[in-house]
Amino acid sequence: MRSKVTIPSAFAQITEFESPQVVAEVNEFQVKCVKLKGPFVWHFHAEEDELFYVVKGQLKMQFRDGDVILNPGELIVVPHGVEHCPVADVETHIILFERNTTKRTGNLANN
């Protein structure tokens, strides 16, 4: 059955930070909505690339060789194997596009 996703409604249902919610699936990929505030953890994904699209707020994607600032309407793809740390100084709404096997904290034990 075909169904549509209303992004503002999806974010309205999220009550916790750093708790991605799957809103759609495309083949072996998932589209997730997540609210962030504060720093996440440094990590990498050995085999999966990740796409971060900013809907609201501002995301600073930290890399070991410098930071990239993302505003609403901007996205970044973090290639597999690249260590990164997402940081949101204000409440930020992100859409993630990643494989359904992607663990939230990649190489770290607590996924």
C-alpha atoms as a PDB file:
ATOM      1  CA  MET A   1       0.000   0.000   0.000  1.00  0.00           C
ATOM      2  CA  ARG A   2       1.234   3.479  -0.798  1.00  0.00           C
ATOM      3  CA  SER A   3       1.468   5.920   2.052  1.00  0.00           C
ATOM      4  CA  LYS A   4       2.954   9.330   2.499  1.00  0.00           C
ATOM      5  CA  VAL A   5       5.110  10.677   5.284  1.00  0.00           C
ATOM      6  CA  THR A   6       4.591  14.189   6.600  1.00  0.00           C
ATOM      7  CA  ILE A   7       7.970  15.240   7.915  1.00  0.00           C
ATOM      8  CA  PRO A   8       6.721  17.856  10.451  1.00  0.00           C
ATOM      9  CA  SER A   9       4.332  15.248  11.909  1.00  0.00           C
ATOM     10  CA  ALA A  10       7.136  12.696  12.111  1.00  0.00           C
ATOM     11  CA  PHE A  11       9.292  15.111  14.113  1.00  0.00           C
ATOM     12  CA  ALA A  12       6.332  16.101  16.324  1.00  0.00           C
ATOM     13  CA  GLN A  13       6.074  12.481  17.488  1.00  0.00           C
ATOM     14  CA  ILE A  14       9.730  12.292  18.559  1.00  0.00           C
ATOM     15  CA  THR A  15      10.039  12.993  22.290  1.00  0.00           C
ATOM     16  CA  GLU A  16      13.691  12.101  22.941  1.00  0.00           C
ATOM     17  CA  PHE A  17      16.954  13.376  21.518  1.00  0.00           C
ATOM     18  CA  GLU A  18      19.299  10.922  19.755  1.00  0.00           C
ATOM     19  CA  SER A  19      16.494   8.425  19.208  1.00  0.00           C
ATOM     20  CA  PRO A  20      16.125   7.936  15.426  1.00  0.00           C
ATOM     21  CA  GLN A  21      12.688   6.894  14.189  1.00  0.00           C
ATOM     22  CA  VAL A  22      12.335   5.006  10.908  1.00  0.00           C
ATOM     23  CA  VAL A  23       9.779   6.809   8.723  1.00  0.00           C
ATOM     24  CA  ALA A  24      10.337   4.953   5.434  1.00  0.00           C
ATOM     25  CA  GLU A  25      12.294   2.113   3.858  1.00  0.00           C
ATOM     26  CA  VAL A  26      13.793   1.996   0.373  1.00  0.00           C
ATOM     27  CA  ASN A  27      15.183  -1.419  -0.543  1.00  0.00           C
ATOM     28  CA  GLU A  28      17.811  -2.129   2.144  1.00  0.00           C
ATOM     29  CA  PHE A  29      17.932   1.521   3.252  1.00  0.00           C
ATOM     30  CA  GLN A  30      16.044   3.387   5.952  1.00  0.00           C
ATOM     31  CA  VAL A  31      14.954   7.002   6.142  1.00  0.00           C
ATOM     32  CA  LYS A  32      15.065   8.149   9.755  1.00  0.00           C
ATOM     33  CA  CYS A  33      14.042  11.320  11.548  1.00  0.00           C
ATOM     34  CA  VAL A  34      16.052  12.263  14.614  1.00  0.00           C
ATOM     35  CA  LYS A  35      16.255  15.227  16.966  1.00  0.00           C
ATOM     36  CA  LEU A  36      19.707  16.152  18.221  1.00  0.00           C
ATOM     37  CA  LYS A  37      20.914  18.525  20.915  1.00  0.00           C
ATOM     38  CA  GLY A  38      24.456  18.578  22.208  1.00  0.00           C
ATOM     39  CA  PRO A  39      27.412  16.476  21.099  1.00  0.00           C
ATOM     40  CA  PHE A  40      27.079  12.859  20.043  1.00  0.00           C
ATOM     41  CA  VAL A  41      30.148  10.574  20.201  1.00  0.00           C
ATOM     42  CA  TRP A  42      33.149  10.171  17.929  1.00  0.00           C
ATOM     43  CA  HIS A  43      32.670   7.059  15.814  1.00  0.00           C
ATOM     44  CA  PHE A  44      32.873   5.622  12.319  1.00  0.00           C
ATOM     45  CA  HIS A  45      31.039   3.013  10.284  1.00  0.00           C
ATOM     46  CA  ALA A  46      33.316   0.404   8.716  1.00  0.00           C
ATOM     47  CA  GLU A  47      31.057  -0.406   5.757  1.00  0.00           C
ATOM     48  CA  GLU A  48      28.179   2.092   5.612  1.00  0.00           C
ATOM     49  CA  ASP A  49      28.049   5.662   4.314  1.00  0.00           C
ATOM     50  CA  GLU A  50      25.579   8.010   6.064  1.00  0.00           C
ATOM     51  CA  LEU A  51      23.585  10.927   4.695  1.00  0.00           C
ATOM     52  CA  PHE A  52      22.589  13.723   7.100  1.00  0.00           C
ATOM     53  CA  TYR A  53      20.014  16.288   5.893  1.00  0.00           C
ATOM     54  CA  VAL A  54      19.233  19.244   8.168  1.00  0.00           C
ATOM     55  CA  VAL A  55      15.553  20.175   8.377  1.00  0.00           C
ATOM     56  CA  LYS A  56      15.702  22.596  11.341  1.00  0.00           C
ATOM     57  CA  GLY A  57      18.502  24.032  13.482  1.00  0.00           C
ATOM     58  CA  GLN A  58      22.190  23.710  12.720  1.00  0.00           C
ATOM     59  CA  LEU A  59      24.510  20.731  12.695  1.00  0.00           C
ATOM     60  CA  LYS A  60      28.251  20.863  13.119  1.00  0.00           C
ATOM     61  CA  MET A  61      29.782  17.704  11.721  1.00  0.00           C
ATOM     62  CA  GLN A  62      33.170  17.342  13.336  1.00  0.00           C
ATOM     63  CA  PHE A  63      35.919  15.508  11.491  1.00  0.00           C
ATOM     64  CA  ARG A  64      39.468  15.014  12.709  1.00  0.00           C
ATOM     65  CA  ASP A  65      40.696  17.423  10.013  1.00  0.00           C
ATOM     66  CA  GLY A  66      38.037  20.148  10.463  1.00  0.00           C
ATOM     67  CA  ASP A  67      34.355  20.870  10.910  1.00  0.00           C
ATOM     68  CA  VAL A  68      31.508  21.344   8.435  1.00  0.00           C
ATOM     69  CA  ILE A  69      28.515  23.499   9.425  1.00  0.00           C
ATOM     70  CA  LEU A  70      25.132  22.490   7.987  1.00  0.00           C
ATOM     71  CA  ASN A  71      22.029  24.691   7.974  1.00  0.00           C
ATOM     72  CA  PRO A  72      18.439  23.819   7.005  1.00  0.00           C
ATOM     73  CA  GLY A  73      18.242  22.533   3.457  1.00  0.00           C
ATOM     74  CA  GLU A  74      21.851  21.307   3.445  1.00  0.00           C
ATOM     75  CA  LEU A  75      23.166  17.763   3.592  1.00  0.00           C
ATOM     76  CA  ILE A  76      26.419  15.895   3.935  1.00  0.00           C
ATOM     77  CA  VAL A  77      27.427  12.338   3.176  1.00  0.00           C
ATOM     78  CA  VAL A  78      29.915  10.840   5.614  1.00  0.00           C
ATOM     79  CA  PRO A  79      31.811   8.071   3.809  1.00  0.00           C
ATOM     80  CA  HIS A  80      32.345   4.746   5.546  1.00  0.00           C
ATOM     81  CA  GLY A  81      35.538   4.566   7.573  1.00  0.00           C
ATOM     82  CA  VAL A  82      35.587   8.317   8.308  1.00  0.00           C
ATOM     83  CA  GLU A  83      35.538   9.190  11.995  1.00  0.00           C
ATOM     84  CA  HIS A  84      32.977  11.878  12.791  1.00  0.00           C
ATOM     85  CA  CYS A  85      31.024  13.468  15.631  1.00  0.00           C
ATOM     86  CA  PRO A  86      27.696  15.250  15.049  1.00  0.00           C
ATOM     87  CA  VAL A  87      27.161  18.271  17.330  1.00  0.00           C
ATOM     88  CA  ALA A  88      23.966  20.325  17.636  1.00  0.00           C
ATOM     89  CA  ASP A  89      24.286  23.411  19.840  1.00  0.00           C
ATOM     90  CA  VAL A  90      20.525  24.029  19.468  1.00  0.00           C
ATOM     91  CA  GLU A  91      17.704  21.538  18.922  1.00  0.00           C
ATOM     92  CA  THR A  92      18.265  20.255  15.409  1.00  0.00           C
ATOM     93  CA  HIS A  93      16.063  18.042  13.258  1.00  0.00           C
ATOM     94  CA  ILE A  94      17.894  15.680  10.921  1.00  0.00           C
ATOM     95  CA  ILE A  95      16.807  13.210   8.275  1.00  0.00           C
ATOM     96  CA  LEU A  96      19.205  10.269   8.014  1.00  0.00           C
ATOM     97  CA  PHE A  97      19.454   7.956   5.035  1.00  0.00           C
ATOM     98  CA  GLU A  98      21.432   4.827   5.770  1.00  0.00           C
ATOM     99  CA  ARG A  99      21.471   1.053   5.356  1.00  0.00           C
ATOM    100  CA  ASN A 100      19.159  -0.852   7.652  1.00  0.00           C
ATOM    101  CA  THR A 101      22.234  -2.597   9.135  1.00  0.00           C
ATOM    102  CA  THR A 102      23.875   0.659  10.249  1.00  0.00           C
ATOM    103  CA  LYS A 103      24.507   0.761  13.983  1.00  0.00           C
ATOM    104  CA  ARG A 104      23.972   4.136  15.611  1.00  0.00           C
ATOM    105  CA  THR A 105      27.467   4.424  17.042  1.00  0.00           C
ATOM    106  CA  GLY A 106      29.290   2.432  14.397  1.00  0.00           C
ATOM    107  CA  ASN A 107      32.514   0.964  15.701  1.00  0.00           C
ATOM    108  CA  LEU A 108      31.703   1.518  19.393  1.00  0.00           C
ATOM    109  CA  ALA A 109      30.434  -1.323  21.570  1.00  0.00           C
ATOM    110  CA  ASN A 110      27.259   0.410  22.812  1.00  0.00           C
ATOM    111  CA  ASN A 111      25.101   0.649  19.696  1.00  0.00           C
END
